[in-house]
């Protein structure tokens, strides 16, 4: 049985969230569990709306987050950030979009979730483009460590520094 639609397309916060997510390369929206979800083609879901989901009392988005980000954000402002049910134990972070929204900050959190969910080829290309954008702005790009395999012993991994 399908879940009833929980979101309202006319909500300005949902519209803004949708614009940010769909501006990322190869992202599509799919309704699931009565909510908007945003996914990367060939990858996985990186964001899902929470429109009073299970009577949560807020409108928010759950976003896949890198290690430690959930803890840092939730401790920094527990009214805006929270640990969402179901996916919170995997490190996802909930971001309220009905209370003091900082859209630039949310866009950065969504971009991080997108990069985690994108297929590895897409991640590499997107990181390279992000580094090029940073370099064009006059700052030195941050080096990304990649694992290197020893030729004689394929099981050992070392990292560039």
N, C-alpha and C. Protein backbone atom coordinates (compact mmCIF):
# COMPACT_ATOMS: atom_id res chain seq x y z
N UNK A 1 0.83 -1.18 0.00
CA UNK A 1 0.00 0.00 0.00
C UNK A 1 0.88 1.25 0.00
N UNK A 2 0.58 2.19 -0.85
CA UNK A 2 1.35 3.43 -0.97
C UNK A 2 1.11 4.34 0.23
N UNK A 3 2.13 5.06 0.59
CA UNK A 3 2.01 6.03 1.68
C UNK A 3 1.31 7.28 1.15
N UNK A 4 0.52 7.95 1.98
CA UNK A 4 -0.10 9.20 1.53
C UNK A 4 0.96 10.29 1.40
N UNK A 5 0.75 11.21 0.47
CA UNK A 5 1.68 12.31 0.27
C UNK A 5 1.70 13.19 1.51
N UNK A 6 2.91 13.44 2.04
CA UNK A 6 3.07 14.21 3.27
C UNK A 6 3.43 15.67 3.01
N UNK A 7 3.94 15.97 1.84
CA UNK A 7 4.44 17.32 1.57
C UNK A 7 3.48 18.12 0.71
N UNK A 8 3.67 19.44 0.76
CA UNK A 8 2.86 20.38 -0.02
C UNK A 8 3.77 21.07 -1.03
N UNK A 9 3.55 20.83 -2.32
CA UNK A 9 4.39 21.41 -3.36
C UNK A 9 4.42 22.93 -3.34
N UNK A 10 3.42 23.56 -2.74
CA UNK A 10 3.39 25.02 -2.72
C UNK A 10 4.19 25.60 -1.56
N UNK A 11 4.71 24.76 -0.66
CA UNK A 11 5.52 25.24 0.46
C UNK A 11 6.81 25.85 -0.09
N UNK A 12 7.09 27.15 0.20
CA UNK A 12 8.29 27.80 -0.34
C UNK A 12 9.59 27.12 0.09
N UNK A 13 9.64 26.56 1.28
CA UNK A 13 10.85 25.88 1.74
C UNK A 13 11.10 24.61 0.92
N UNK A 14 10.05 23.88 0.61
CA UNK A 14 10.19 22.67 -0.22
C UNK A 14 10.64 23.07 -1.63
N UNK A 15 10.07 24.15 -2.16
CA UNK A 15 10.48 24.62 -3.49
C UNK A 15 11.96 24.97 -3.52
N UNK A 16 12.42 25.69 -2.49
CA UNK A 16 13.83 26.10 -2.43
C UNK A 16 14.73 24.87 -2.28
N UNK A 17 14.35 23.94 -1.43
CA UNK A 17 15.11 22.71 -1.25
C UNK A 17 15.22 21.96 -2.58
N UNK A 18 14.12 21.85 -3.27
CA UNK A 18 14.08 21.16 -4.56
C UNK A 18 15.03 21.83 -5.56
N UNK A 19 15.03 23.17 -5.61
CA UNK A 19 15.92 23.90 -6.52
C UNK A 19 17.38 23.59 -6.24
N UNK A 20 17.75 23.57 -4.95
CA UNK A 20 19.14 23.30 -4.57
C UNK A 20 19.53 21.88 -4.98
N UNK A 21 18.70 20.91 -4.63
CA UNK A 21 19.02 19.51 -4.92
C UNK A 21 19.07 19.22 -6.41
N UNK A 22 18.09 19.71 -7.15
CA UNK A 22 18.03 19.39 -8.58
C UNK A 22 19.05 20.16 -9.41
N UNK A 23 19.71 21.15 -8.80
CA UNK A 23 20.79 21.87 -9.49
C UNK A 23 22.08 21.06 -9.52
N UNK A 24 22.17 20.04 -8.67
CA UNK A 24 23.35 19.18 -8.65
C UNK A 24 23.29 18.21 -9.85
N UNK A 25 24.46 17.86 -10.41
CA UNK A 25 24.48 17.00 -11.60
C UNK A 25 23.85 15.63 -11.38
N UNK A 26 23.04 15.20 -12.35
CA UNK A 26 22.47 13.85 -12.41
C UNK A 26 21.63 13.49 -11.19
N UNK A 27 20.93 14.48 -10.63
CA UNK A 27 20.05 14.25 -9.49
C UNK A 27 18.62 14.18 -9.97
N UNK A 28 17.84 13.28 -9.39
CA UNK A 28 16.42 13.22 -9.70
C UNK A 28 15.64 13.11 -8.39
N UNK A 29 14.38 13.47 -8.47
CA UNK A 29 13.49 13.40 -7.31
C UNK A 29 12.57 12.21 -7.48
N UNK A 30 12.34 11.51 -6.37
CA UNK A 30 11.43 10.38 -6.38
C UNK A 30 10.63 10.43 -5.08
N UNK A 31 9.31 10.32 -5.20
CA UNK A 31 8.49 10.27 -3.99
C UNK A 31 8.59 8.88 -3.39
N UNK A 32 8.88 8.84 -2.09
CA UNK A 32 8.96 7.57 -1.37
C UNK A 32 8.50 7.81 0.07
N UNK A 33 7.76 6.89 0.61
CA UNK A 33 7.23 6.99 1.97
C UNK A 33 6.40 8.27 2.16
N UNK A 34 5.83 8.78 1.07
CA UNK A 34 5.02 9.99 1.12
C UNK A 34 5.83 11.27 1.17
N UNK A 35 7.14 11.18 1.00
CA UNK A 35 8.04 12.32 1.09
C UNK A 35 8.85 12.47 -0.19
N UNK A 36 9.41 13.67 -0.39
CA UNK A 36 10.33 13.91 -1.51
C UNK A 36 11.67 13.28 -1.15
N UNK A 37 12.25 12.52 -2.05
CA UNK A 37 13.61 12.05 -1.86
C UNK A 37 14.43 12.48 -3.07
N UNK A 38 15.71 12.74 -2.83
CA UNK A 38 16.60 13.18 -3.90
C UNK A 38 17.73 12.16 -4.00
N UNK A 39 17.97 11.72 -5.24
CA UNK A 39 18.90 10.62 -5.48
C UNK A 39 19.80 10.96 -6.66
N UNK A 40 20.96 10.31 -6.70
CA UNK A 40 21.91 10.48 -7.79
C UNK A 40 21.75 9.30 -8.73
N UNK A 41 21.66 9.58 -10.03
CA UNK A 41 21.57 8.51 -11.02
C UNK A 41 22.82 7.64 -10.89
N UNK A 42 22.62 6.33 -10.74
CA UNK A 42 23.74 5.40 -10.58
C UNK A 42 24.31 5.39 -9.17
N UNK A 43 23.75 6.20 -8.29
CA UNK A 43 24.22 6.27 -6.91
C UNK A 43 23.08 5.93 -5.97
N UNK A 44 22.92 6.71 -4.92
CA UNK A 44 21.88 6.42 -3.95
C UNK A 44 21.21 7.71 -3.47
N UNK A 45 20.26 7.56 -2.57
CA UNK A 45 19.53 8.69 -2.00
C UNK A 45 20.47 9.48 -1.08
N UNK A 46 20.40 10.82 -1.18
CA UNK A 46 21.22 11.64 -0.30
C UNK A 46 20.39 12.61 0.53
N UNK A 47 19.10 12.76 0.23
CA UNK A 47 18.25 13.67 1.01
C UNK A 47 16.79 13.22 0.93
N UNK A 48 16.07 13.49 2.03
CA UNK A 48 14.65 13.15 2.11
C UNK A 48 13.95 14.18 2.98
N UNK A 49 12.79 14.64 2.53
CA UNK A 49 12.05 15.60 3.34
C UNK A 49 11.40 14.93 4.54
N UNK A 50 11.09 15.74 5.52
CA UNK A 50 10.41 15.31 6.75
C UNK A 50 9.33 16.35 7.02
N UNK A 51 8.15 16.09 6.53
CA UNK A 51 7.02 17.02 6.70
C UNK A 51 6.12 16.49 7.81
N UNK A 52 6.53 16.77 9.04
CA UNK A 52 5.83 16.28 10.21
C UNK A 52 5.76 14.75 10.18
N UNK A 53 6.85 14.15 9.69
CA UNK A 53 6.94 12.70 9.54
C UNK A 53 6.77 12.03 10.90
N UNK A 54 5.80 11.17 11.03
CA UNK A 54 5.47 10.51 12.29
C UNK A 54 5.26 11.53 13.41
N UNK A 55 4.58 12.63 13.06
CA UNK A 55 4.25 13.69 14.03
C UNK A 55 5.49 14.30 14.68
N UNK A 56 6.52 14.57 13.88
CA UNK A 56 7.76 15.15 14.39
C UNK A 56 7.59 16.60 14.84
N UNK A 57 6.57 17.28 14.29
CA UNK A 57 6.32 18.67 14.67
C UNK A 57 7.14 19.68 13.91
N UNK A 58 7.79 19.27 12.83
CA UNK A 58 8.57 20.23 12.03
C UNK A 58 8.60 19.83 10.56
N UNK A 59 9.10 20.76 9.75
CA UNK A 59 9.40 20.49 8.34
C UNK A 59 10.91 20.54 8.25
N UNK A 60 11.49 19.47 7.72
CA UNK A 60 12.95 19.36 7.70
C UNK A 60 13.38 18.54 6.50
N UNK A 61 14.69 18.40 6.37
CA UNK A 61 15.27 17.50 5.38
C UNK A 61 16.29 16.65 6.11
N UNK A 62 16.30 15.34 5.80
CA UNK A 62 17.31 14.44 6.33
C UNK A 62 18.38 14.32 5.25
N UNK A 63 19.65 14.48 5.63
CA UNK A 63 20.74 14.49 4.65
C UNK A 63 21.84 13.51 5.06
N UNK A 64 22.29 12.72 4.10
CA UNK A 64 23.43 11.84 4.33
C UNK A 64 24.63 12.74 4.63
N UNK A 65 25.38 12.41 5.68
CA UNK A 65 26.47 13.30 6.10
C UNK A 65 27.76 12.52 6.30
N UNK A 66 28.90 13.19 6.07
CA UNK A 66 30.20 12.56 6.34
C UNK A 66 30.36 12.29 7.85
N UNK A 67 31.32 11.44 8.17
CA UNK A 67 31.59 11.09 9.57
C UNK A 67 31.78 12.35 10.42
N UNK A 68 31.20 12.33 11.59
CA UNK A 68 31.31 13.36 12.62
C UNK A 68 30.48 14.62 12.36
N UNK A 69 30.00 14.83 11.15
CA UNK A 69 29.24 16.04 10.84
C UNK A 69 27.94 16.07 11.64
N UNK A 70 27.26 14.94 11.73
CA UNK A 70 26.01 14.87 12.47
C UNK A 70 26.22 15.36 13.90
N UNK A 71 27.21 14.80 14.57
CA UNK A 71 27.48 15.16 15.96
C UNK A 71 27.83 16.64 16.11
N UNK A 72 28.66 17.15 15.23
CA UNK A 72 29.07 18.55 15.29
C UNK A 72 27.86 19.47 15.11
N UNK A 73 27.04 19.21 14.10
CA UNK A 73 25.90 20.08 13.83
C UNK A 73 24.85 20.01 14.93
N UNK A 74 24.52 18.81 15.38
CA UNK A 74 23.49 18.66 16.41
C UNK A 74 23.92 19.37 17.70
N UNK A 75 25.19 19.25 18.05
CA UNK A 75 25.67 19.92 19.27
C UNK A 75 25.76 21.44 19.09
N UNK A 76 25.97 21.89 17.85
CA UNK A 76 26.11 23.33 17.62
C UNK A 76 24.78 24.07 17.73
N UNK A 77 23.69 23.44 17.31
CA UNK A 77 22.37 24.10 17.35
C UNK A 77 21.26 23.05 17.32
N UNK A 78 20.91 22.49 18.50
CA UNK A 78 19.93 21.40 18.53
C UNK A 78 18.51 21.79 18.12
N UNK A 79 18.23 23.08 17.99
CA UNK A 79 16.90 23.48 17.51
C UNK A 79 16.82 23.38 15.99
N UNK A 80 17.95 23.55 15.32
CA UNK A 80 17.98 23.49 13.85
C UNK A 80 18.39 22.13 13.32
N UNK A 81 19.24 21.41 14.06
CA UNK A 81 19.77 20.12 13.62
C UNK A 81 19.36 19.04 14.59
N UNK A 82 19.13 17.83 14.07
CA UNK A 82 18.72 16.72 14.91
C UNK A 82 19.13 15.40 14.28
N UNK A 83 19.06 14.35 15.08
CA UNK A 83 19.34 13.01 14.58
C UNK A 83 18.02 12.41 14.11
N UNK A 84 17.88 12.18 12.81
CA UNK A 84 16.60 11.67 12.30
C UNK A 84 16.39 10.20 12.64
N UNK A 85 15.11 9.79 12.74
CA UNK A 85 14.84 8.37 12.96
C UNK A 85 15.26 7.55 11.74
N UNK A 86 15.41 6.27 11.93
CA UNK A 86 15.75 5.29 10.89
C UNK A 86 17.18 5.45 10.38
N UNK A 87 17.52 6.62 9.80
CA UNK A 87 18.82 6.79 9.15
C UNK A 87 19.84 7.52 10.03
N UNK A 88 19.42 8.00 11.16
CA UNK A 88 20.33 8.73 12.06
C UNK A 88 21.49 7.88 12.52
N UNK A 89 21.25 6.60 12.73
CA UNK A 89 22.34 5.73 13.20
C UNK A 89 23.39 5.50 12.12
N UNK A 90 23.08 5.83 10.86
CA UNK A 90 24.07 5.75 9.79
C UNK A 90 24.76 7.09 9.56
N UNK A 91 24.51 8.07 10.44
CA UNK A 91 25.21 9.35 10.35
C UNK A 91 24.45 10.46 9.66
N UNK A 92 23.22 10.20 9.19
CA UNK A 92 22.45 11.24 8.54
C UNK A 92 22.12 12.33 9.56
N UNK A 93 21.93 13.54 9.07
CA UNK A 93 21.58 14.66 9.94
C UNK A 93 20.26 15.27 9.47
N UNK A 94 19.42 15.64 10.42
CA UNK A 94 18.18 16.33 10.10
C UNK A 94 18.41 17.83 10.19
N UNK A 95 17.91 18.56 9.21
CA UNK A 95 18.05 20.02 9.17
C UNK A 95 16.65 20.61 9.01
N UNK A 96 16.23 21.39 9.99
CA UNK A 96 14.91 22.01 9.90
C UNK A 96 14.90 23.06 8.81
N UNK A 97 13.84 23.07 8.00
CA UNK A 97 13.70 24.10 6.97
C UNK A 97 12.49 24.98 7.26
N UNK A 98 12.02 24.90 8.50
CA UNK A 98 10.92 25.78 8.93
C UNK A 98 11.35 26.67 10.10
N UNK A 99 12.66 26.73 10.37
CA UNK A 99 13.16 27.49 11.52
C UNK A 99 14.57 28.01 11.23
N UNK A 100 14.70 29.32 11.10
CA UNK A 100 16.01 29.98 10.93
C UNK A 100 16.91 29.26 9.92
N UNK A 101 16.43 29.12 8.72
CA UNK A 101 17.18 28.40 7.68
C UNK A 101 18.32 29.27 7.16
N UNK A 102 19.50 28.69 7.11
CA UNK A 102 20.66 29.32 6.47
C UNK A 102 20.86 28.53 5.18
N UNK A 103 20.32 29.05 4.08
CA UNK A 103 20.26 28.28 2.84
C UNK A 103 21.64 27.96 2.28
N UNK A 104 22.62 28.87 2.43
CA UNK A 104 23.97 28.56 1.94
C UNK A 104 24.57 27.39 2.71
N UNK A 105 24.35 27.38 4.02
CA UNK A 105 24.85 26.29 4.86
C UNK A 105 24.16 24.97 4.48
N UNK A 106 22.85 25.03 4.29
CA UNK A 106 22.11 23.83 3.89
C UNK A 106 22.58 23.33 2.53
N UNK A 107 22.84 24.24 1.59
CA UNK A 107 23.33 23.83 0.27
C UNK A 107 24.66 23.10 0.39
N UNK A 108 25.54 23.55 1.29
CA UNK A 108 26.83 22.88 1.49
C UNK A 108 26.64 21.49 2.10
N UNK A 109 25.71 21.38 3.06
CA UNK A 109 25.42 20.08 3.67
C UNK A 109 24.86 19.12 2.62
N UNK A 110 23.96 19.62 1.77
CA UNK A 110 23.39 18.80 0.70
C UNK A 110 24.46 18.38 -0.30
N UNK A 111 25.38 19.27 -0.62
CA UNK A 111 26.45 18.94 -1.56
C UNK A 111 27.33 17.82 -0.99
N UNK A 112 27.61 17.88 0.31
CA UNK A 112 28.38 16.80 0.94
C UNK A 112 27.64 15.47 0.84
N UNK A 113 26.34 15.49 1.12
CA UNK A 113 25.53 14.28 1.00
C UNK A 113 25.52 13.75 -0.42
N UNK A 114 25.42 14.66 -1.37
CA UNK A 114 25.45 14.30 -2.79
C UNK A 114 26.76 13.59 -3.13
N UNK A 115 27.89 14.16 -2.69
CA UNK A 115 29.19 13.58 -3.02
C UNK A 115 29.35 12.18 -2.44
N UNK A 116 28.80 11.95 -1.25
CA UNK A 116 28.87 10.62 -0.65
C UNK A 116 28.03 9.63 -1.45
N UNK A 117 26.93 10.08 -2.02
CA UNK A 117 25.99 9.20 -2.71
C UNK A 117 26.29 8.99 -4.18
N UNK A 118 27.08 9.87 -4.76
CA UNK A 118 27.38 9.77 -6.19
C UNK A 118 28.28 8.57 -6.47
N UNK A 119 28.15 7.98 -7.67
CA UNK A 119 29.06 6.89 -8.04
C UNK A 119 30.50 7.41 -8.02
N UNK A 120 31.47 6.53 -7.82
CA UNK A 120 32.86 6.97 -7.64
C UNK A 120 33.38 7.80 -8.81
N UNK A 121 33.01 7.49 -10.05
CA UNK A 121 33.44 8.30 -11.19
C UNK A 121 32.88 9.71 -11.09
N UNK A 122 31.63 9.83 -10.69
CA UNK A 122 30.97 11.13 -10.54
C UNK A 122 31.63 11.92 -9.42
N UNK A 123 31.95 11.26 -8.31
CA UNK A 123 32.59 11.93 -7.17
C UNK A 123 33.91 12.53 -7.59
N UNK A 124 34.72 11.76 -8.32
CA UNK A 124 36.03 12.25 -8.73
C UNK A 124 35.89 13.46 -9.63
N UNK A 125 34.98 13.40 -10.60
CA UNK A 125 34.77 14.54 -11.50
C UNK A 125 34.24 15.75 -10.78
N UNK A 126 33.33 15.55 -9.84
CA UNK A 126 32.75 16.67 -9.11
C UNK A 126 33.79 17.30 -8.20
N UNK A 127 34.60 16.48 -7.52
CA UNK A 127 35.66 17.03 -6.66
C UNK A 127 36.65 17.83 -7.49
N UNK A 128 37.02 17.31 -8.67
CA UNK A 128 37.95 18.02 -9.53
C UNK A 128 37.37 19.38 -9.93
N UNK A 129 36.08 19.40 -10.26
CA UNK A 129 35.44 20.67 -10.63
C UNK A 129 35.40 21.62 -9.44
N UNK A 130 35.08 21.10 -8.26
CA UNK A 130 35.05 21.95 -7.07
C UNK A 130 36.43 22.53 -6.79
N UNK A 131 37.48 21.71 -6.94
CA UNK A 131 38.84 22.21 -6.75
C UNK A 131 39.20 23.27 -7.78
N UNK A 132 38.75 23.09 -9.04
CA UNK A 132 39.00 24.09 -10.08
C UNK A 132 38.30 25.40 -9.73
N UNK A 133 37.08 25.32 -9.21
CA UNK A 133 36.35 26.53 -8.81
C UNK A 133 37.07 27.27 -7.69
N UNK A 134 37.62 26.50 -6.74
CA UNK A 134 38.36 27.10 -5.63
C UNK A 134 39.63 27.77 -6.15
N UNK A 135 40.35 27.06 -7.05
CA UNK A 135 41.58 27.61 -7.62
C UNK A 135 41.30 28.89 -8.41
N UNK A 136 40.20 28.91 -9.15
CA UNK A 136 39.83 30.09 -9.93
C UNK A 136 39.53 31.28 -9.03
N UNK A 137 39.07 30.99 -7.82
CA UNK A 137 38.75 32.05 -6.87
C UNK A 137 40.01 32.57 -6.17
N UNK A 138 41.18 31.94 -6.45
CA UNK A 138 42.43 32.43 -5.90
C UNK A 138 42.94 31.67 -4.69
N UNK A 139 42.25 30.65 -4.26
CA UNK A 139 42.70 29.85 -3.12
C UNK A 139 43.32 28.56 -3.63
N UNK A 140 44.23 28.01 -2.85
CA UNK A 140 44.86 26.75 -3.23
C UNK A 140 43.87 25.61 -3.00
N UNK A 141 43.70 24.72 -3.99
CA UNK A 141 42.79 23.60 -3.79
C UNK A 141 43.32 22.64 -2.74
N UNK A 142 42.43 22.05 -2.00
CA UNK A 142 42.79 21.08 -0.97
C UNK A 142 43.09 19.75 -1.67
N UNK A 143 44.17 19.12 -1.28
CA UNK A 143 44.56 17.83 -1.86
C UNK A 143 43.65 16.73 -1.33
N UNK A 144 43.23 15.87 -2.20
CA UNK A 144 42.39 14.74 -1.83
C UNK A 144 43.27 13.50 -1.83
N UNK A 145 43.34 12.82 -0.69
CA UNK A 145 44.14 11.59 -0.59
C UNK A 145 43.42 10.46 -1.29
N UNK A 146 44.18 9.69 -2.03
CA UNK A 146 43.61 8.51 -2.69
C UNK A 146 44.45 7.31 -2.31
N UNK A 147 43.84 6.17 -2.12
CA UNK A 147 44.62 4.98 -1.77
C UNK A 147 45.49 4.53 -2.93
N UNK A 148 46.72 4.13 -2.61
CA UNK A 148 47.63 3.57 -3.60
C UNK A 148 47.89 2.12 -3.22
N UNK A 149 47.88 1.23 -4.17
CA UNK A 149 48.14 -0.18 -3.90
C UNK A 149 49.60 -0.48 -4.24
N UNK A 150 50.25 -1.24 -3.37
CA UNK A 150 51.60 -1.70 -3.66
C UNK A 150 51.50 -2.74 -4.77
N UNK A 151 52.41 -2.68 -5.73
CA UNK A 151 52.36 -3.61 -6.85
C UNK A 151 52.64 -5.06 -6.41
N UNK A 152 53.55 -5.25 -5.47
CA UNK A 152 53.91 -6.60 -5.07
C UNK A 152 52.90 -7.20 -4.09
N UNK A 153 52.21 -6.37 -3.36
CA UNK A 153 51.30 -6.91 -2.35
C UNK A 153 49.96 -6.18 -2.47
N UNK A 154 49.05 -6.71 -3.29
CA UNK A 154 47.79 -6.03 -3.59
C UNK A 154 46.88 -5.81 -2.39
N UNK A 155 47.10 -6.52 -1.28
CA UNK A 155 46.23 -6.36 -0.13
C UNK A 155 46.56 -5.14 0.73
N UNK A 156 47.77 -4.62 0.59
CA UNK A 156 48.18 -3.48 1.43
C UNK A 156 47.81 -2.18 0.76
N UNK A 157 47.39 -1.23 1.57
CA UNK A 157 47.01 0.08 1.05
C UNK A 157 47.77 1.14 1.80
N UNK A 158 48.29 2.13 1.08
CA UNK A 158 48.88 3.31 1.73
C UNK A 158 48.23 4.54 1.13
N UNK A 159 48.33 5.65 1.78
CA UNK A 159 47.68 6.87 1.33
C UNK A 159 48.70 7.94 1.01
N UNK A 160 48.41 8.69 -0.06
CA UNK A 160 49.24 9.84 -0.42
C UNK A 160 49.12 10.88 0.67
N UNK A 161 50.13 11.69 0.82
CA UNK A 161 50.05 12.80 1.77
C UNK A 161 50.34 14.10 1.08
